[in-house]
Amino acid sequence: MALKEFVLFRHAKKNFDSIDPDLSQDGFEQAARILEAVQKNKLPLPQVLLTSPKKRAQQTLSFLQEELQIPLFIEPALD
């Protein structure tokens, strides 16, 4: 059986204006750098993305999901 690689990201930098805040401008830039690292083969190409229901977690992976058309699953157990 082939080994699978598991990469875990904490959400990028967030705003502090609500209970479930969006990413800050810095956070969106951090999230874009994750995509850039995957595109430059510095991180493995994901096959699937799992995220918590929090907006900031989903936004962190949104660049990967949209640009690479990777399935994104919201997993309440990750909250």
Protein backbone atom coordinates (compact mmCIF):
# COMPACT_ATOMS: atom_id res chain seq x y z
CA MET A 1 0.00 0.00 0.00
CA ALA A 2 1.36 3.43 -0.96
CA LEU A 3 1.90 5.95 1.79
CA LYS A 4 -0.28 9.04 1.73
CA GLU A 5 0.94 12.44 2.78
CA PHE A 6 -1.20 14.52 5.11
CA VAL A 7 -0.60 18.28 5.27
CA LEU A 8 -2.31 20.28 7.99
CA PHE A 9 -2.75 24.05 7.83
CA ARG A 10 -3.99 26.31 10.54
CA HIS A 11 -6.20 29.07 9.18
CA ALA A 12 -4.40 32.16 7.94
CA LYS A 13 -4.47 35.46 9.85
CA LYS A 14 -8.00 36.55 10.69
CA ASN A 15 -9.81 39.75 11.53
CA PHE A 16 -11.05 40.09 15.10
CA ASP A 17 -14.39 41.70 14.40
CA SER A 18 -16.87 38.88 14.99
CA ILE A 19 -17.38 35.38 16.37
CA ASP A 20 -16.69 33.86 12.93
CA PRO A 21 -14.43 36.44 11.26
CA ASP A 22 -13.15 36.57 7.71
CA LEU A 23 -9.45 36.47 6.94
CA SER A 24 -7.60 39.75 7.15
CA GLN A 25 -5.81 41.16 4.11
CA ASP A 26 -2.62 39.54 5.45
CA GLY A 27 -4.53 36.28 5.80
CA PHE A 28 -5.67 36.31 2.18
CA GLU A 29 -2.06 36.93 1.15
CA GLN A 30 -0.94 33.99 3.31
CA ALA A 31 -3.61 31.78 1.71
CA ALA A 32 -2.44 32.81 -1.77
CA ARG A 33 1.11 31.79 -0.81
CA ILE A 34 -0.13 28.26 -0.02
CA LEU A 35 -1.39 27.99 -3.60
CA GLU A 36 1.89 29.38 -4.89
CA ALA A 37 3.85 26.80 -2.87
CA VAL A 38 1.76 23.97 -4.35
CA GLN A 39 2.19 25.35 -7.88
CA LYS A 40 5.99 25.52 -7.36
CA ASN A 41 6.02 21.93 -6.00
CA LYS A 42 7.16 23.09 -2.56
CA LEU A 43 4.02 21.44 -1.14
CA PRO A 44 2.33 18.30 -2.47
CA LEU A 45 -0.66 18.65 -4.79
CA PRO A 46 -3.75 17.96 -2.67
CA GLN A 47 -6.28 15.38 -3.80
CA VAL A 48 -8.96 16.56 -1.38
CA LEU A 49 -9.38 19.45 1.06
CA LEU A 50 -11.03 19.15 4.47
CA THR A 51 -11.96 22.23 6.46
CA SER A 52 -13.89 23.22 9.54
CA PRO A 53 -17.15 25.18 9.13
CA LYS A 54 -15.38 28.41 10.15
CA LYS A 55 -15.22 31.05 7.39
CA ARG A 56 -11.54 31.75 8.00
CA ALA A 57 -10.65 28.06 7.55
CA GLN A 58 -12.65 27.79 4.33
CA GLN A 59 -11.18 31.04 3.01
CA THR A 60 -7.65 29.77 3.72
CA LEU A 61 -8.23 26.85 1.34
CA SER A 62 -10.37 28.74 -1.19
CA PHE A 63 -7.43 29.64 -3.45
CA LEU A 64 -6.45 25.97 -3.74
CA GLN A 65 -10.02 24.84 -4.28
CA GLU A 66 -10.85 27.41 -6.94
CA GLU A 67 -7.59 27.46 -8.88
CA LEU A 68 -6.92 23.71 -8.84
CA GLN A 69 -10.55 22.52 -8.84
CA ILE A 70 -9.97 20.28 -5.81
CA PRO A 71 -12.98 19.01 -3.84
CA LEU A 72 -13.49 20.91 -0.58
CA PHE A 73 -15.38 19.16 2.20
CA ILE A 74 -16.64 20.94 5.29
CA GLU A 75 -16.18 18.66 8.28
CA PRO A 76 -17.97 19.78 11.48
CA ALA A 77 -15.70 17.55 13.58
CA LEU A 78 -12.82 19.87 12.72
CA ASP A 79 -14.52 22.82 14.43
